[in-house]
Protein backbone atom coordinates (compact mmCIF):
# COMPACT_ATOMS: atom_id res chain seq x y z
CA MET A 1 115.75 113.08 103.11
CA ASN A 2 118.02 111.32 100.66
CA MET A 3 117.84 110.20 97.06
CA ASN A 4 118.49 106.47 97.30
CA ILE A 5 116.99 105.64 93.93
CA ALA A 6 118.96 102.45 93.24
CA TYR A 7 119.90 100.39 96.28
CA LYS A 8 120.69 96.95 97.68
CA TYR A 9 119.87 95.54 101.10
CA TYR A 10 120.63 92.61 103.42
CA GLY A 11 123.50 91.58 101.16
CA GLN A 12 121.11 90.54 98.40
CA LYS A 13 122.26 90.51 94.79
CA PRO A 14 119.35 92.33 93.10
CA VAL A 15 119.41 96.08 92.51
CA TYR A 16 116.17 97.69 93.69
CA LEU A 17 114.69 100.82 92.13
CA ASN A 18 112.94 103.30 94.39
CA ILE A 19 111.16 105.64 91.94
CA THR A 20 108.26 107.04 93.99
CA ASN A 21 106.99 107.33 97.55
CA ARG A 22 103.34 107.53 96.46
CA CYS A 23 101.01 104.57 96.92
CA THR A 24 97.32 103.77 96.52
CA ASN A 25 97.35 101.78 99.76
CA LYS A 26 98.12 102.56 103.40
CA CYS A 27 98.81 99.02 104.58
CA SER A 28 98.84 98.55 108.35
CA PHE A 29 101.88 96.25 108.13
CA CYS A 30 103.95 98.50 105.81
CA ILE A 31 107.34 99.36 107.32
CA ARG A 32 107.26 102.84 105.79
CA TYR A 33 105.13 103.85 108.78
CA THR A 34 107.66 102.64 111.33
CA GLU A 35 111.06 102.87 109.60
CA ILE A 36 112.88 105.36 107.39
CA GLY A 37 114.10 102.60 105.12
CA VAL A 38 115.39 99.04 104.82
CA ASP A 39 118.68 97.75 106.22
CA GLY A 40 119.88 101.29 106.90
CA VAL A 41 118.97 102.58 103.42
CA ASP A 42 116.79 105.70 103.68
CA LEU A 43 114.07 105.31 101.04
CA TRP A 44 112.23 108.60 101.53
CA LEU A 45 112.83 110.66 98.39
CA GLU A 46 113.40 114.42 98.22
CA HIS A 47 111.50 114.40 94.94
CA GLU A 48 110.40 111.89 92.34
CA PRO A 49 113.48 111.22 90.22
CA SER A 50 113.49 111.95 86.51
CA THR A 51 114.29 109.21 84.02
CA GLU A 52 117.81 110.65 83.71
CA GLU A 53 118.29 110.57 87.49
CA ILE A 54 117.13 106.94 87.57
CA LYS A 55 119.50 105.98 84.77
CA GLN A 56 122.39 107.73 86.53
CA ALA A 57 121.54 105.98 89.80
CA LEU A 58 121.69 102.64 87.97
CA GLU A 59 125.09 103.55 86.55
CA ASP A 60 126.33 104.59 89.99
CA ILE A 61 125.44 101.19 91.46
CA ASP A 62 127.07 99.32 88.54
CA PHE A 63 123.85 97.72 87.36
CA ARG A 64 125.52 96.38 84.22
CA ASN A 65 126.86 93.48 86.30
CA SER A 66 123.61 92.83 88.19
CA GLU A 67 121.61 89.67 87.61
CA GLU A 68 118.27 91.22 88.57
CA ILE A 69 116.73 94.69 88.68
CA VAL A 70 113.58 95.11 90.79
CA PHE A 71 111.17 98.04 90.79
CA CYS A 72 110.44 98.18 94.52
CA GLY A 73 110.86 101.01 97.02
CA TYR A 74 108.84 103.13 99.42
CA GLY A 75 105.92 103.47 97.05
CA GLU A 76 103.94 101.78 94.30
CA PRO A 77 106.14 101.65 91.14
CA THR A 78 103.20 101.76 88.74
CA MET A 79 102.28 105.21 90.03
CA ARG A 80 104.93 106.07 87.41
CA TRP A 81 103.70 103.63 84.79
CA ASP A 82 104.56 106.06 82.02
CA ILE A 83 108.35 105.97 82.59
CA ILE A 84 108.77 102.27 83.45
CA PRO A 85 109.07 101.10 79.80
CA GLU A 86 111.82 103.65 79.09
CA ILE A 87 113.80 102.56 82.15
CA CYS A 88 113.35 98.91 81.20
CA ARG A 89 114.62 99.57 77.67
CA PHE A 90 117.67 101.33 79.13
CA ILE A 91 118.36 98.27 81.31
CA ARG A 92 117.86 95.89 78.38
CA GLU A 93 120.25 97.90 76.18
CA ASN A 94 123.01 97.93 78.78
CA ASN A 95 122.47 94.65 80.63
CA PRO A 96 120.47 92.36 78.31
CA ASP A 97 120.85 89.31 80.54
CA ALA A 98 119.43 90.93 83.67
CA LYS A 99 116.04 89.80 84.94
CA ILE A 100 113.61 92.70 85.39
CA ARG A 101 110.90 92.38 88.02
CA ILE A 102 108.16 94.70 89.27
CA ASN A 103 106.82 94.33 92.81
CA THR A 104 103.38 95.92 92.75
CA ASN A 105 100.01 96.14 94.47
CA GLY A 106 98.36 95.51 91.10
CA HIS A 107 96.62 98.87 90.77
CA GLY A 108 98.60 100.02 87.73
CA ASN A 109 95.71 99.81 85.28
CA LYS A 110 93.41 101.71 87.63
CA ILE A 111 96.08 104.36 88.17
CA ALA A 112 96.71 104.81 84.45
CA GLY A 113 93.09 104.56 83.39
CA HIS A 114 93.91 101.87 80.85
CA ASP A 115 95.62 98.48 80.54
CA ILE A 116 99.37 99.08 80.89
CA THR A 117 100.40 95.42 80.71
CA PRO A 118 100.92 95.33 76.90
CA SER A 119 103.52 98.10 77.25
CA LEU A 120 105.57 95.84 79.53
CA GLU A 121 105.70 92.88 77.16
CA GLY A 122 109.26 91.97 76.20
CA LEU A 123 110.62 94.37 78.82
CA VAL A 124 109.58 92.88 82.17
CA ASP A 125 110.34 89.26 83.06
CA GLU A 126 108.28 88.96 86.22
CA ILE A 127 105.52 90.80 88.03
CA SER A 128 104.90 90.04 91.70
CA ILE A 129 101.52 91.26 92.89
CA SER A 130 100.68 91.64 96.59
CA LEU A 131 97.41 89.83 97.25
CA ASN A 132 97.64 90.38 101.01
CA GLU A 133 94.27 88.91 102.01
CA LYS A 134 91.66 86.29 101.15
CA ASN A 135 88.79 88.63 100.21
CA ALA A 136 87.97 92.24 99.34
CA GLN A 137 86.67 93.22 102.77
CA LYS A 138 89.72 92.00 104.66
CA TYR A 139 92.00 93.43 101.98
CA ASN A 140 90.58 96.92 102.44
CA GLU A 141 90.66 96.58 106.23
CA ILE A 142 94.42 96.07 106.29
CA CYS A 143 95.36 98.04 103.15
CA THR A 144 93.05 101.07 103.50
CA CYS A 145 92.98 101.25 99.73
CA GLN A 146 92.02 104.54 98.08
CA TYR A 147 89.79 102.45 95.78
CA GLY A 148 88.12 100.70 98.71
CA GLU A 149 87.23 97.05 98.23
CA GLU A 150 87.46 97.56 94.47
CA GLY A 151 91.23 97.54 94.88
CA PHE A 152 91.14 93.80 95.58
CA TYR A 153 89.29 93.03 92.35
CA GLU A 154 91.52 95.46 90.44
CA LEU A 155 94.65 93.56 91.40
CA LEU A 156 93.14 90.23 90.36
CA ASP A 157 92.12 91.72 87.01
CA PHE A 158 95.60 93.19 86.60
CA ALA A 159 97.12 89.77 87.29
CA ALA A 160 94.93 88.10 84.68
CA LYS A 161 95.80 90.74 82.07
CA ALA A 162 99.52 90.68 82.92
CA LYS A 163 99.59 86.93 82.42
CA LYS A 164 98.92 87.49 78.70
CA HIS A 165 102.06 89.60 78.27
CA ILE A 166 104.57 88.72 81.00
CA LYS A 167 106.44 85.41 81.25
CA SER A 168 106.09 85.12 85.02
CA VAL A 169 103.25 86.55 87.12
CA VAL A 170 102.87 85.64 90.78
CA LEU A 171 100.56 86.64 93.61
CA SER A 172 102.19 87.07 96.99
CA ILE A 173 101.14 87.15 100.62
CA VAL A 174 103.04 87.58 103.88
CA ASP A 175 103.56 84.53 106.10
CA VAL A 176 101.84 86.17 109.11
CA LEU A 177 98.40 85.11 107.82
CA PRO A 178 96.73 82.12 109.52
CA PRO A 179 97.23 78.82 107.65
CA GLU A 180 93.55 78.62 106.71
CA ASP A 181 93.68 82.14 105.19
CA ILE A 182 96.81 81.26 103.25
CA GLU A 183 94.94 78.27 101.83
CA GLU A 184 92.06 80.51 100.76
CA CYS A 185 94.55 82.80 99.01
CA ARG A 186 96.04 79.78 97.28
CA LYS A 187 92.61 78.87 95.93
CA ILE A 188 92.14 82.40 94.56
CA ALA A 189 95.49 82.17 92.79
CA GLU A 190 94.71 78.74 91.38
CA LYS A 191 91.36 79.97 90.07
CA ILE A 192 93.08 82.49 87.79
CA GLY A 193 95.99 80.19 87.02
CA ILE A 194 98.70 82.16 88.81
CA PRO A 195 101.12 80.74 91.42
CA LEU A 196 101.06 82.01 95.01
CA ARG A 197 104.28 82.98 96.77
CA VAL A 198 104.33 83.14 100.56
CA ARG A 199 107.02 85.63 101.55
CA LYS A 200 108.55 86.34 104.95
CA MET A 201 107.61 89.52 106.77
CA ILE A 202 110.40 92.12 106.82
CA LYS A 203 110.91 93.30 110.39
């Protein structure tokens, strides 16, 4: 195992932060079950990095010149909801112009046991939430969520709450869904006033 905490892949500009390997879902399409990482970057961690290790990893990758920092690795970032604000403040202090984004499954409030979205206000610029499917049953079928079908409703509630505190909140799905299912997902997003992003499947 390695400790690739801050990394880049496929020649992209953003710096990605891999701060945990834990997740509340076991999605059937997740590459963590078939690959050791992304674009040759091993994302399995020897241990969950401390805040100081994360800050040092950012320094090592020269994050001060990065346009965007994204919390996204081989786990659900909000499993570590308690340290995210501190890391965001560190980024803001040293690279105030950088965009900060969290890619999440939307279970952060359920994980923490309270609404964490107010603590992200002024620190996070965008939250991208994986919707994955058009209803709770199908969501749980492909995500095998530890919260069962409730996980689907949790992410929608998280999105609605986040919208009150974060400038940009989007729901996302992968482009492998049938067109009619994508349309159903679009309707769900429209109902809560959040845009839907259709992203390409990483292979």
